[in-house]
Amino acid sequence: MTDFVLAHKIETFCRIGCSEEERAFPQRLLVSVKLETNTQKAARTGDLSQTINYATVCQQVREIGAAKPWVLVEELAEAFADQLLEDFSLAIGVHITIEKFILPGVEWVGVEIQRYRS
């Protein structure tokens, strides 16, 4: 059985872009996180410590994004995945989607990555 803890379209503001000009001001990003885990123990006990707290996931995403200027969304996605897998020992894997709203005439651009604990 595979279970997931989800945080869909976390709004965050990051200095991100290939040029210094693009990184000059924070840009709005939407980040979706899907953490693979087993929720059975939490479901049976009602114990938050037996699952992944999605409020903490959202806070982590915002803190990581604001920590420094980023050049590529790929770089930021890896940072999210690495940190979330490190901080949440109950996570088996993580799927990250980043939506960036920078190109005219395009709803959004971005990346999706999936990483697993080694």
PDB file of N, CA and C in Angstrom:
ATOM      1  N   MET A   1       0.847  -1.177   0.000  1.00  0.00           N
ATOM      2  CA  MET A   1       0.000   0.000   0.000  1.00  0.00           C
ATOM      3  C   MET A   1       0.894   1.243   0.000  1.00  0.00           C
ATOM      4  N   THR A   2       0.543   2.209  -0.827  1.00  0.00           N
ATOM      5  CA  THR A   2       1.278   3.464  -0.874  1.00  0.00           C
ATOM      6  C   THR A   2       0.339   4.600  -0.501  1.00  0.00           C
ATOM      7  N   ASP A   3       0.779   5.416   0.420  1.00  0.00           N
ATOM      8  CA  ASP A   3       0.020   6.576   0.863  1.00  0.00           C
ATOM      9  C   ASP A   3       0.830   7.831   0.560  1.00  0.00           C
ATOM     10  N   PHE A   4       0.145   8.956   0.531  1.00  0.00           N
ATOM     11  CA  PHE A   4       0.810  10.223   0.250  1.00  0.00           C
ATOM     12  C   PHE A   4       0.283  11.310   1.172  1.00  0.00           C
ATOM     13  N   VAL A   5       1.165  12.191   1.579  1.00  0.00           N
ATOM     14  CA  VAL A   5       0.797  13.434   2.241  1.00  0.00           C
ATOM     15  C   VAL A   5       1.040  14.521   1.202  1.00  0.00           C
ATOM     16  N   LEU A   6       0.028  15.356   0.965  1.00  0.00           N
ATOM     17  CA  LEU A   6       0.068  16.325  -0.132  1.00  0.00           C
ATOM     18  C   LEU A   6      -0.008  17.760   0.370  1.00  0.00           C
ATOM     19  N   ALA A   7       0.721  18.618  -0.296  1.00  0.00           N
ATOM     20  CA  ALA A   7       0.592  20.064  -0.119  1.00  0.00           C
ATOM     21  C   ALA A   7       0.579  20.624  -1.540  1.00  0.00           C
ATOM     22  N   HIS A   8      -0.576  21.072  -1.980  1.00  0.00           N
ATOM     23  CA  HIS A   8      -0.780  21.446  -3.384  1.00  0.00           C
ATOM     24  C   HIS A   8      -0.740  22.961  -3.563  1.00  0.00           C
ATOM     25  N   LYS A   9       0.157  23.395  -4.435  1.00  0.00           N
ATOM     26  CA  LYS A   9       0.275  24.805  -4.826  1.00  0.00           C
ATOM     27  C   LYS A   9       0.555  25.723  -3.638  1.00  0.00           C
ATOM     28  N   ILE A  10       1.626  25.432  -2.939  1.00  0.00           N
ATOM     29  CA  ILE A  10       2.096  26.289  -1.847  1.00  0.00           C
ATOM     30  C   ILE A  10       2.606  27.582  -2.475  1.00  0.00           C
ATOM     31  N   GLU A  11       2.041  28.696  -2.088  1.00  0.00           N
ATOM     32  CA  GLU A  11       2.489  29.973  -2.632  1.00  0.00           C
ATOM     33  C   GLU A  11       3.745  30.420  -1.888  1.00  0.00           C
ATOM     34  N   THR A  12       4.778  30.704  -2.655  1.00  0.00           N
ATOM     35  CA  THR A  12       6.024  31.176  -2.074  1.00  0.00           C
ATOM     36  C   THR A  12       6.640  32.220  -2.998  1.00  0.00           C
ATOM     37  N   PHE A  13       7.507  33.033  -2.452  1.00  0.00           N
ATOM     38  CA  PHE A  13       8.162  34.080  -3.235  1.00  0.00           C
ATOM     39  C   PHE A  13       9.666  33.880  -3.144  1.00  0.00           C
ATOM     40  N   CYS A  14      10.304  33.762  -4.317  1.00  0.00           N
ATOM     41  CA  CYS A  14      11.731  33.461  -4.388  1.00  0.00           C
ATOM     42  C   CYS A  14      12.418  34.388  -5.374  1.00  0.00           C
ATOM     43  N   ARG A  15      13.657  34.684  -5.072  1.00  0.00           N
ATOM     44  CA  ARG A  15      14.513  35.375  -6.043  1.00  0.00           C
ATOM     45  C   ARG A  15      15.104  34.274  -6.912  1.00  0.00           C
ATOM     46  N   ILE A  16      14.593  34.172  -8.137  1.00  0.00           N
ATOM     47  CA  ILE A  16      14.988  33.070  -8.998  1.00  0.00           C
ATOM     48  C   ILE A  16      15.041  33.533 -10.445  1.00  0.00           C
ATOM     49  N   GLY A  17      16.052  33.065 -11.160  1.00  0.00           N
ATOM     50  CA  GLY A  17      16.159  33.395 -12.573  1.00  0.00           C
ATOM     51  C   GLY A  17      17.589  33.304 -13.061  1.00  0.00           C
ATOM     52  N   CYS A  18      17.745  33.209 -14.366  1.00  0.00           N
ATOM     53  CA  CYS A  18      19.066  33.051 -14.968  1.00  0.00           C
ATOM     54  C   CYS A  18      19.886  34.333 -14.924  1.00  0.00           C
ATOM     55  N   SER A  19      19.228  35.469 -14.910  1.00  0.00           N
ATOM     56  CA  SER A  19      19.970  36.738 -14.908  1.00  0.00           C
ATOM     57  C   SER A  19      19.835  37.421 -13.547  1.00  0.00           C
ATOM     58  N   GLU A  20      20.799  38.294 -13.253  1.00  0.00           N
ATOM     59  CA  GLU A  20      20.724  39.073 -12.018  1.00  0.00           C
ATOM     60  C   GLU A  20      19.484  39.953 -12.011  1.00  0.00           C
ATOM     61  N   GLU A  21      19.120  40.450 -13.174  1.00  0.00           N
ATOM     62  CA  GLU A  21      17.925  41.292 -13.299  1.00  0.00           C
ATOM     63  C   GLU A  21      16.670  40.517 -12.894  1.00  0.00           C
ATOM     64  N   GLU A  22      16.582  39.267 -13.347  1.00  0.00           N
ATOM     65  CA  GLU A  22      15.414  38.437 -13.009  1.00  0.00           C
ATOM     66  C   GLU A  22      15.386  38.099 -11.517  1.00  0.00           C
ATOM     67  N   ARG A  23      16.557  37.972 -10.912  1.00  0.00           N
ATOM     68  CA  ARG A  23      16.647  37.647  -9.481  1.00  0.00           C
ATOM     69  C   ARG A  23      16.543  38.877  -8.579  1.00  0.00           C
ATOM     70  N   ALA A  24      16.440  40.066  -9.169  1.00  0.00           N
ATOM     71  CA  ALA A  24      16.441  41.314  -8.392  1.00  0.00           C
ATOM     72  C   ALA A  24      15.245  41.413  -7.446  1.00  0.00           C
ATOM     73  N   PHE A  25      14.105  40.850  -7.840  1.00  0.00           N
ATOM     74  CA  PHE A  25      12.891  40.924  -7.035  1.00  0.00           C
ATOM     75  C   PHE A  25      12.297  39.526  -6.872  1.00  0.00           C
ATOM     76  N   PRO A  26      11.695  39.257  -5.732  1.00  0.00           N
ATOM     77  CA  PRO A  26      11.063  37.952  -5.538  1.00  0.00           C
ATOM     78  C   PRO A  26       9.941  37.719  -6.554  1.00  0.00           C
ATOM     79  N   GLN A  27       9.872  36.494  -7.033  1.00  0.00           N
ATOM     80  CA  GLN A  27       8.817  36.078  -7.960  1.00  0.00           C
ATOM     81  C   GLN A  27       7.901  35.089  -7.252  1.00  0.00           C
ATOM     82  N   ARG A  28       6.655  35.133  -7.605  1.00  0.00           N
ATOM     83  CA  ARG A  28       5.671  34.196  -7.063  1.00  0.00           C
ATOM     84  C   ARG A  28       5.849  32.844  -7.750  1.00  0.00           C
ATOM     85  N   LEU A  29       5.954  31.803  -6.943  1.00  0.00           N
ATOM     86  CA  LEU A  29       5.988  30.430  -7.429  1.00  0.00           C
ATOM     87  C   LEU A  29       4.896  29.646  -6.716  1.00  0.00           C
ATOM     88  N   LEU A  30       4.398  28.620  -7.369  1.00  0.00           N
ATOM     89  CA  LEU A  30       3.521  27.648  -6.716  1.00  0.00           C
ATOM     90  C   LEU A  30       4.262  26.324  -6.692  1.00  0.00           C
ATOM     91  N   VAL A  31       4.358  25.746  -5.507  1.00  0.00           N
ATOM     92  CA  VAL A  31       5.107  24.502  -5.322  1.00  0.00           C
ATOM     93  C   VAL A  31       4.147  23.445  -4.792  1.00  0.00           C
ATOM     94  N   SER A  32       4.099  22.321  -5.473  1.00  0.00           N
ATOM     95  CA  SER A  32       3.291  21.200  -4.997  1.00  0.00           C
ATOM     96  C   SER A  32       4.223  20.083  -4.539  1.00  0.00           C
ATOM     97  N   VAL A  33       3.895  19.504  -3.388  1.00  0.00           N
ATOM     98  CA  VAL A  33       4.714  18.467  -2.777  1.00  0.00           C
ATOM     99  C   VAL A  33       3.837  17.246  -2.531  1.00  0.00           C
ATOM    100  N   LYS A  34       4.348  16.101  -2.921  1.00  0.00           N
ATOM    101  CA  LYS A  34       3.667  14.823  -2.686  1.00  0.00           C
ATOM    102  C   LYS A  34       4.687  13.897  -2.024  1.00  0.00           C
ATOM    103  N   LEU A  35       4.501  13.655  -0.725  1.00  0.00           N
ATOM    104  CA  LEU A  35       5.427  12.825   0.044  1.00  0.00           C
ATOM    105  C   LEU A  35       4.866  11.422   0.195  1.00  0.00           C
ATOM    106  N   GLU A  36       5.622  10.449  -0.287  1.00  0.00           N
ATOM    107  CA  GLU A  36       5.209   9.050  -0.172  1.00  0.00           C
ATOM    108  C   GLU A  36       5.574   8.547   1.220  1.00  0.00           C
ATOM    109  N   THR A  37       4.599   7.940   1.890  1.00  0.00           N
ATOM    110  CA  THR A  37       4.787   7.496   3.271  1.00  0.00           C
ATOM    111  C   THR A  37       3.774   6.394   3.570  1.00  0.00           C
ATOM    112  N   ASN A  38       3.724   5.960   4.787  1.00  0.00           N
ATOM    113  CA  ASN A  38       2.697   5.021   5.241  1.00  0.00           C
ATOM    114  C   ASN A  38       1.911   5.729   6.341  1.00  0.00           C
ATOM    115  N   THR A  39       0.633   5.950   6.098  1.00  0.00           N
ATOM    116  CA  THR A  39      -0.194   6.696   7.057  1.00  0.00           C
ATOM    117  C   THR A  39      -1.015   5.794   7.984  1.00  0.00           C
ATOM    118  N   GLN A  40      -0.867   4.478   7.869  1.00  0.00           N
ATOM    119  CA  GLN A  40      -1.715   3.567   8.643  1.00  0.00           C
ATOM    120  C   GLN A  40      -1.604   3.767  10.149  1.00  0.00           C
ATOM    121  N   LYS A  41      -0.388   3.895  10.655  1.00  0.00           N
ATOM    122  CA  LYS A  41      -0.214   4.033  12.104  1.00  0.00           C
ATOM    123  C   LYS A  41      -0.870   5.318  12.606  1.00  0.00           C
ATOM    124  N   ALA A  42      -0.686   6.401  11.872  1.00  0.00           N
ATOM    125  CA  ALA A  42      -1.316   7.671  12.260  1.00  0.00           C
ATOM    126  C   ALA A  42      -2.832   7.560  12.190  1.00  0.00           C
ATOM    127  N   ALA A  43      -3.326   6.897  11.162  1.00  0.00           N
ATOM    128  CA  ALA A  43      -4.771   6.734  11.004  1.00  0.00           C
ATOM    129  C   ALA A  43      -5.369   5.927  12.151  1.00  0.00           C
ATOM    130  N   ARG A  44      -4.648   4.929  12.602  1.00  0.00           N
ATOM    131  CA  ARG A  44      -5.156   4.072  13.683  1.00  0.00           C
ATOM    132  C   ARG A  44      -5.048   4.725  15.054  1.00  0.00           C
ATOM    133  N   THR A  45      -4.055   5.602  15.233  1.00  0.00           N
ATOM    134  CA  THR A  45      -3.807   6.154  16.565  1.00  0.00           C
ATOM    135  C   THR A  45      -4.227   7.615  16.718  1.00  0.00           C
ATOM    136  N   GLY A  46      -4.374   8.326  15.598  1.00  0.00           N
ATOM    137  CA  GLY A  46      -4.649   9.760  15.675  1.00  0.00           C
ATOM    138  C   GLY A  46      -3.448  10.559  16.158  1.00  0.00           C
ATOM    139  N   ASP A  47      -2.260   9.966  16.043  1.00  0.00           N
ATOM    140  CA  ASP A  47      -1.025  10.570  16.547  1.00  0.00           C
ATOM    141  C   ASP A  47      -0.288  11.278  15.414  1.00  0.00           C
ATOM    142  N   LEU A  48      -0.223  12.612  15.483  1.00  0.00           N
ATOM    143  CA  LEU A  48       0.433  13.410  14.448  1.00  0.00           C
ATOM    144  C   LEU A  48       1.903  13.042  14.271  1.00  0.00           C
ATOM    145  N   SER A  49       2.557  12.583  15.321  1.00  0.00           N
ATOM    146  CA  SER A  49       3.975  12.222  15.217  1.00  0.00           C
ATOM    147  C   SER A  49       4.198  10.977  14.358  1.00  0.00           C
ATOM    148  N   GLN A  50       3.131  10.283  14.015  1.00  0.00           N
ATOM    149  CA  GLN A  50       3.234   9.078  13.190  1.00  0.00           C
ATOM    150  C   GLN A  50       2.987   9.352  11.702  1.00  0.00           C
ATOM    151  N   THR A  51       2.941  10.620  11.349  1.00  0.00           N
ATOM    152  CA  THR A  51       2.743  10.998   9.959  1.00  0.00           C
ATOM    153  C   THR A  51       3.582  12.246   9.668  1.00  0.00           C
ATOM    154  N   ILE A  52       3.397  12.811   8.506  1.00  0.00           N
ATOM    155  CA  ILE A  52       4.119  14.013   8.101  1.00  0.00           C
ATOM    156  C   ILE A  52       3.178  15.196   8.233  1.00  0.00           C
ATOM    157  N   ASN A  53       3.586  16.184   8.992  1.00  0.00           N
ATOM    158  CA  ASN A  53       2.768  17.364   9.234  1.00  0.00           C
ATOM    159  C   ASN A  53       2.830  18.280   8.011  1.00  0.00           C
ATOM    160  N   TYR A  54       1.739  18.390   7.285  1.00  0.00           N
ATOM    161  CA  TYR A  54       1.754  19.177   6.046  1.00  0.00           C
ATOM    162  C   TYR A  54       1.950  20.665   6.305  1.00  0.00           C
ATOM    163  N   ALA A  55       1.575  21.154   7.486  1.00  0.00           N
ATOM    164  CA  ALA A  55       1.837  22.561   7.814  1.00  0.00           C
ATOM    165  C   ALA A  55       3.349  22.815   7.888  1.00  0.00           C
ATOM    166  N   THR A  56       4.069  21.862   8.451  1.00  0.00           N
ATOM    167  CA  THR A  56       5.524  21.973   8.534  1.00  0.00           C
ATOM    168  C   THR A  56       6.144  21.876   7.142  1.00  0.00           C
ATOM    169  N   VAL A  57       5.592  21.032   6.286  1.00  0.00           N
ATOM    170  CA  VAL A  57       6.070  20.927   4.897  1.00  0.00           C
ATOM    171  C   VAL A  57       5.947  22.286   4.212  1.00  0.00           C
ATOM    172  N   CYS A  58       4.813  22.936   4.344  1.00  0.00           N
ATOM    173  CA  CYS A  58       4.593  24.250   3.720  1.00  0.00           C
ATOM    174  C   CYS A  58       5.580  25.279   4.250  1.00  0.00           C
ATOM    175  N   GLN A  59       5.792  25.268   5.543  1.00  0.00           N
ATOM    176  CA  GLN A  59       6.747  26.197   6.158  1.00  0.00           C
ATOM    177  C   GLN A  59       8.153  25.939   5.617  1.00  0.00           C
ATOM    178  N   GLN A  60       8.543  24.673   5.520  1.00  0.00           N
ATOM    179  CA  GLN A  60       9.874  24.318   5.007  1.00  0.00           C
ATOM    180  C   GLN A  60      10.061  24.816   3.578  1.00  0.00           C
ATOM    181  N   VAL A  61       9.057  24.624   2.738  1.00  0.00           N
ATOM    182  CA  VAL A  61       9.140  25.059   1.342  1.00  0.00           C
ATOM    183  C   VAL A  61       9.376  26.570   1.290  1.00  0.00           C
ATOM    184  N   ARG A  62       8.628  27.320   2.064  1.00  0.00           N
ATOM    185  CA  ARG A  62       8.786  28.780   2.057  1.00  0.00           C
ATOM    186  C   ARG A  62      10.167  29.199   2.560  1.00  0.00           C
ATOM    187  N   GLU A  63      10.647  28.541   3.596  1.00  0.00           N
ATOM    188  CA  GLU A  63      11.967  28.876   4.143  1.00  0.00           C
ATOM    189  C   GLU A  63      13.087  28.542   3.165  1.00  0.00           C
ATOM    190  N   ILE A  64      13.021  27.392   2.540  1.00  0.00           N
ATOM    191  CA  ILE A  64      14.049  26.988   1.567  1.00  0.00           C
ATOM    192  C   ILE A  64      14.058  27.959   0.391  1.00  0.00           C
ATOM    193  N   GLY A  65      12.892  28.282  -0.128  1.00  0.00           N
ATOM    194  CA  GLY A  65      12.800  29.198  -1.263  1.00  0.00           C
ATOM    195  C   GLY A  65      13.367  30.568  -0.974  1.00  0.00           C
ATOM    196  N   ALA A  66      13.183  31.044   0.243  1.00  0.00           N
ATOM    197  CA  ALA A  66      13.638  32.382   0.621  1.00  0.00           C
ATOM    198  C   ALA A  66      15.086  32.410   1.103  1.00  0.00           C
ATOM    199  N   ALA A  67      15.705  31.255   1.260  1.00  0.00           N
ATOM    200  CA  ALA A  67      17.027  31.165   1.876  1.00  0.00           C
ATOM    201  C   ALA A  67      18.129  31.852   1.087  1.00  0.00           C
ATOM    202  N   LYS A  68      18.005  31.882  -0.237  1.00  0.00           N
ATOM    203  CA  LYS A  68      19.055  32.466  -1.076  1.00  0.00           C
ATOM    204  C   LYS A  68      18.498  32.697  -2.474  1.00  0.00           C
ATOM    205  N   PRO A  69      19.215  33.430  -3.307  1.00  0.00           N
ATOM    206  CA  PRO A  69      18.799  33.540  -4.708  1.00  0.00           C
ATOM    207  C   PRO A  69      19.082  32.222  -5.436  1.00  0.00           C
ATOM    208  N   TRP A  70      18.186  31.844  -6.331  1.00  0.00           N
ATOM    209  CA  TRP A  70      18.309  30.604  -7.097  1.00  0.00           C
ATOM    210  C   TRP A  70      18.431  30.959  -8.572  1.00  0.00           C
ATOM    211  N   VAL A  71      19.211  30.196  -9.307  1.00  0.00           N
ATOM    212  CA  VAL A  71      19.361  30.435 -10.740  1.00  0.00           C
ATOM    213  C   VAL A  71      18.308  29.641 -11.516  1.00  0.00           C
ATOM    214  N   LEU A  72      18.198  28.351 -11.239  1.00  0.00           N
ATOM    215  CA  LEU A  72      17.305  27.469 -11.996  1.00  0.00           C
ATOM    216  C   LEU A  72      16.221  26.860 -11.108  1.00  0.00           C
ATOM    217  N   VAL A  73      15.044  26.652 -11.677  1.00  0.00           N
ATOM    218  CA  VAL A  73      13.993  25.960 -10.917  1.00  0.00           C
ATOM    219  C   VAL A  73      14.417  24.517 -10.642  1.00  0.00           C
ATOM    220  N   GLU A  74      15.238  23.941 -11.513  1.00  0.00           N
ATOM    221  CA  GLU A  74      15.746  22.586 -11.284  1.00  0.00           C
ATOM    222  C   GLU A  74      16.566  22.529  -9.990  1.00  0.00           C
ATOM    223  N   GLU A  75      17.379  23.556  -9.780  1.00  0.00           N
ATOM    224  CA  GLU A  75      18.205  23.671  -8.573  1.00  0.00           C
ATOM    225  C   GLU A  75      17.313  23.782  -7.333  1.00  0.00           C
ATOM    226  N   LEU A  76      16.294  24.587  -7.424  1.00  0.00           N
ATOM    227  CA  LEU A  76      15.372  24.772  -6.303  1.00  0.00           C
ATOM    228  C   LEU A  76      14.593  23.491  -6.010  1.00  0.00           C
ATOM    229  N   ALA A  77      14.143  22.804  -7.042  1.00  0.00           N
ATOM    230  CA  ALA A  77      13.406  21.549  -6.859  1.00  0.00           C
ATOM    231  C   ALA A  77      14.272  20.512  -6.137  1.00  0.00           C
ATOM    232  N   GLU A  78      15.540  20.407  -6.516  1.00  0.00           N
ATOM    233  CA  GLU A  78      16.458  19.473  -5.842  1.00  0.00           C
ATOM    234  C   GLU A  78      16.632  19.852  -4.377  1.00  0.00           C
ATOM    235  N   ALA A  79      16.747  21.148  -4.108  1.00  0.00           N
ATOM    236  CA  ALA A  79      16.894  21.604  -2.721  1.00  0.00           C
ATOM    237  C   ALA A  79      15.664  21.232  -1.899  1.00  0.00           C
ATOM    238  N   PHE A  80      14.484  21.427  -2.475  1.00  0.00           N
ATOM    239  CA  PHE A  80      13.253  21.020  -1.778  1.00  0.00           C
ATOM    240  C   PHE A  80      13.274  19.525  -1.481  1.00  0.00           C
ATOM    241  N   ALA A  81      13.548  18.727  -2.506  1.00  0.00           N
ATOM    242  CA  ALA A  81      13.530  17.269  -2.350  1.00  0.00           C
ATOM    243  C   ALA A  81      14.546  16.813  -1.305  1.00  0.00           C
ATOM    244  N   ASP A  82      15.775  17.310  -1.407  1.00  0.00           N
ATOM    245  CA  ASP A  82      16.824  16.908  -0.463  1.00  0.00           C
ATOM    246  C   ASP A  82      16.440  17.241   0.970  1.00  0.00           C
ATOM    247  N   GLN A  83      15.986  18.471   1.190  1.00  0.00           N
ATOM    248  CA  GLN A  83      15.683  18.912   2.550  1.00  0.00           C
ATOM    249  C   GLN A  83      14.465  18.194   3.125  1.00  0.00           C
ATOM    250  N   LEU A  84      13.434  18.009   2.318  1.00  0.00           N
ATOM    251  CA  LEU A  84      12.224  17.338   2.812  1.00  0.00           C
ATOM    252  C   LEU A  84      12.506  15.882   3.160  1.00  0.00           C
ATOM    253  N   LEU A  85      13.295  15.201   2.333  1.00  0.00           N
ATOM    254  CA  LEU A  85      13.641  13.809   2.652  1.00  0.00           C
ATOM    255  C   LEU A  85      14.516  13.733   3.908  1.00  0.00           C
ATOM    256  N   GLU A  86      15.360  14.736   4.101  1.00  0.00           N
ATOM    257  CA  GLU A  86      16.203  14.768   5.302  1.00  0.00           C
ATOM    258  C   GLU A  86      15.372  15.056   6.549  1.00  0.00           C
ATOM    259  N   ASP A  87      14.443  15.996   6.453  1.00  0.00           N
ATOM    260  CA  ASP A  87      13.681  16.431   7.622  1.00  0.00           C
ATOM    261  C   ASP A  87      12.537  15.504   8.009  1.00  0.00           C
ATOM    262  N   PHE A  88      12.024  14.753   7.072  1.00  0.00           N
ATOM    263  CA  PHE A  88      10.863  13.891   7.348  1.00  0.00           C
ATOM    264  C   PHE A  88      11.260  12.430   7.156  1.00  0.00           C
ATOM    265  N   SER A  89      11.690  11.810   8.239  1.00  0.00           N
ATOM    266  CA  SER A  89      12.197  10.433   8.174  1.00  0.00           C
ATOM    267  C   SER A  89      11.120   9.431   7.762  1.00  0.00           C
ATOM    268  N   LEU A  90       9.848   9.783   7.916  1.00  0.00           N
ATOM    269  CA  LEU A  90       8.770   8.876   7.512  1.00  0.00           C
ATOM    270  C   LEU A  90       8.517   8.908   5.996  1.00  0.00           C
ATOM    271  N   ALA A  91       9.146   9.833   5.294  1.00  0.00           N
ATOM    272  CA  ALA A  91       8.970   9.931   3.839  1.00  0.00           C
ATOM    273  C   ALA A  91       9.865   8.923   3.136  1.00  0.00           C
ATOM    274  N   ILE A  92       9.260   8.164   2.245  1.00  0.00           N
ATOM    275  CA  ILE A  92       9.988   7.197   1.423  1.00  0.00           C
ATOM    276  C   ILE A  92      10.488   7.893   0.154  1.00  0.00           C
ATOM    277  N   GLY A  93       9.657   8.781  -0.354  1.00  0.00           N
ATOM    278  CA  GLY A  93       9.990   9.509  -1.574  1.00  0.00           C
ATOM    279  C   GLY A  93       9.237  10.818  -1.616  1.00  0.00           C
ATOM    280  N   VAL A  94       9.614  11.656  -2.580  1.00  0.00           N
ATOM    281  CA  VAL A  94       8.980  12.955  -2.716  1.00  0.00           C
ATOM    282  C   VAL A  94       8.851  13.300  -4.195  1.00  0.00           C
ATOM    283  N   HIS A  95       7.727  13.913  -4.526  1.00  0.00           N
ATOM    284  CA  HIS A  95       7.467  14.417  -5.879  1.00  0.00           C
ATOM    285  C   HIS A  95       7.249  15.920  -5.734  1.00  0.00           C
ATOM    286  N   ILE A  96       8.023  16.704  -6.475  1.00  0.00           N
ATOM    287  CA  ILE A  96       7.965  18.169  -6.404  1.00  0.00           C
ATOM    288  C   ILE A  96       7.561  18.722  -7.769  1.00  0.00           C
ATOM    289  N   THR A  97       6.623  19.651  -7.787  1.00  0.00           N
ATOM    290  CA  THR A  97       6.275  20.405  -8.993  1.00  0.00           C
ATOM    291  C   THR A  97       6.423  21.883  -8.661  1.00  0.00           C
ATOM    292  N   ILE A  98       7.143  22.610  -9.511  1.00  0.00           N
ATOM    293  CA  ILE A  98       7.293  24.052  -9.344  1.00  0.00           C
ATOM    294  C   ILE A  98       6.692  24.737 -10.555  1.00  0.00           C
ATOM    295  N   GLU A  99       5.780  25.671 -10.307  1.00  0.00           N
ATOM    296  CA  GLU A  99       5.171  26.478 -11.359  1.00  0.00           C
ATOM    297  C   GLU A  99       5.717  27.897 -11.256  1.00  0.00           C
ATOM    298  N   LYS A 100       6.232  28.395 -12.383  1.00  0.00           N
ATOM    299  CA  LYS A 100       6.817  29.739 -12.443  1.00  0.00           C
ATOM    300  C   LYS A 100       6.071  30.536 -13.505  1.00  0.00           C
ATOM    301  N   PHE A 101       5.776  31.790 -13.193  1.00  0.00           N
ATOM    302  CA  PHE A 101       4.919  32.623 -14.048  1.00  0.00           C
ATOM    303  C   PHE A 101       5.741  33.766 -14.641  1.00  0.00           C
ATOM    304  N   ILE A 102       6.594  33.438 -15.603  1.00  0.00           N
ATOM    305  CA  ILE A 102       7.541  34.427 -16.095  1.00  0.00           C
ATOM    306  C   ILE A 102       7.382  34.741 -17.586  1.00  0.00           C
ATOM    307  N   LEU A 103       6.878  33.803 -18.371  1.00  0.00           N
ATOM    308  CA  LEU A 103       6.801  34.010 -19.815  1.00  0.00           C
ATOM    309  C   LEU A 103       5.421  34.511 -20.227  1.00  0.00           C
ATOM    310  N   PRO A 104       5.375  35.573 -21.005  1.00  0.00           N
ATOM    311  CA  PRO A 104       4.079  36.063 -21.491  1.00  0.00           C
ATOM    312  C   PRO A 104       3.443  35.044 -22.437  1.00  0.00           C
ATOM    313  N   GLY A 105       2.138  34.944 -22.340  1.00  0.00           N
ATOM    314  CA  GLY A 105       1.395  34.048 -23.227  1.00  0.00           C
ATOM    315  C   GLY A 105       1.459  32.578 -22.841  1.00  0.00           C
ATOM    316  N   VAL A 106       2.048  32.283 -21.674  1.00  0.00           N
ATOM    317  CA  VAL A 106       2.153  30.904 -21.185  1.00  0.00           C
ATOM    318  C   VAL A 106       1.615  30.890 -19.762  1.00  0.00           C
ATOM    319  N   GLU A 107       0.708  29.974 -19.455  1.00  0.00           N
ATOM    320  CA  GLU A 107       0.136  29.947 -18.104  1.00  0.00           C
ATOM    321  C   GLU A 107       1.227  29.796 -17.046  1.00  0.00           C
ATOM    322  N   TRP A 108       2.113  28.827 -17.229  1.00  0.00           N
ATOM    323  CA  TRP A 108       3.249  28.663 -16.329  1.00  0.00           C
ATOM    324  C   TRP A 108       4.279  27.757 -16.972  1.00  0.00           C
ATOM    325  N   VAL A 109       5.512  27.873 -16.491  1.00  0.00           N
ATOM    326  CA  VAL A 109       6.602  26.975 -16.861  1.00  0.00           C
ATOM    327  C   VAL A 109       7.161  26.408 -15.570  1.00  0.00           C
ATOM    328  N   GLY A 110       7.919  25.337 -15.648  1.00  0.00           N
ATOM    329  CA  GLY A 110       8.482  24.802 -14.420  1.00  0.00           C
ATOM    330  C   GLY A 110       9.078  23.437 -14.601  1.00  0.00           C
ATOM    331  N   VAL A 111       9.207  22.728 -13.486  1.00  0.00           N
ATOM    332  CA  VAL A 111       9.764  21.384 -13.486  1.00  0.00           C
ATOM    333  C   VAL A 111       8.977  20.501 -12.529  1.00  0.00           C
ATOM    334  N   GLU A 112       9.089  19.201 -12.775  1.00  0.00           N
ATOM    335  CA  GLU A 112       8.610  18.170 -11.857  1.00  0.00           C
ATOM    336  C   GLU A 112       9.753  17.194 -11.645  1.00  0.00           C
ATOM    337  N   ILE A 113      10.002  16.836 -10.394  1.00  0.00           N
ATOM    338  CA  ILE A 113      11.005  15.822 -10.113  1.00  0.00           C
ATOM    339  C   ILE A 113      10.440  14.843  -9.090  1.00  0.00           C
ATOM    340  N   GLN A 114      10.990  13.650  -9.106  1.00  0.00           N
ATOM    341  CA  GLN A 114      10.628  12.632  -8.124  1.00  0.00           C
ATOM    342  C   GLN A 114      11.929  12.039  -7.600  1.00  0.00           C
ATOM    343  N   ARG A 115      12.069  12.002  -6.283  1.00  0.00           N
ATOM    344  CA  ARG A 115      13.267  11.469  -5.663  1.00  0.00           C
ATOM    345  C   ARG A 115      12.864  10.506  -4.553  1.00  0.00           C
ATOM    346  N   TYR A 116      13.735   9.517  -4.330  1.00  0.00           N
ATOM    347  CA  TYR A 116      13.494   8.540  -3.269  1.00  0.00           C
ATOM    348  C   TYR A 116      14.670   8.512  -2.309  1.00  0.00           C
ATOM    349  N   ARG A 117      14.377   8.136  -1.094  1.00  0.00           N
ATOM    350  CA  ARG A 117      15.416   7.979  -0.076  1.00  0.00           C
ATOM    351  C   ARG A 117      16.364   6.891  -0.556  1.00  0.00           C
ATOM    352  N   SER A 118      17.693   7.131  -0.400  1.00  0.00           N
ATOM    353  CA  SER A 118      18.657   6.117  -0.857  1.00  0.00           C
ATOM    354  C   SER A 118      18.884   5.043   0.178  1.00  0.00           C
TER     355      SER A 118
END
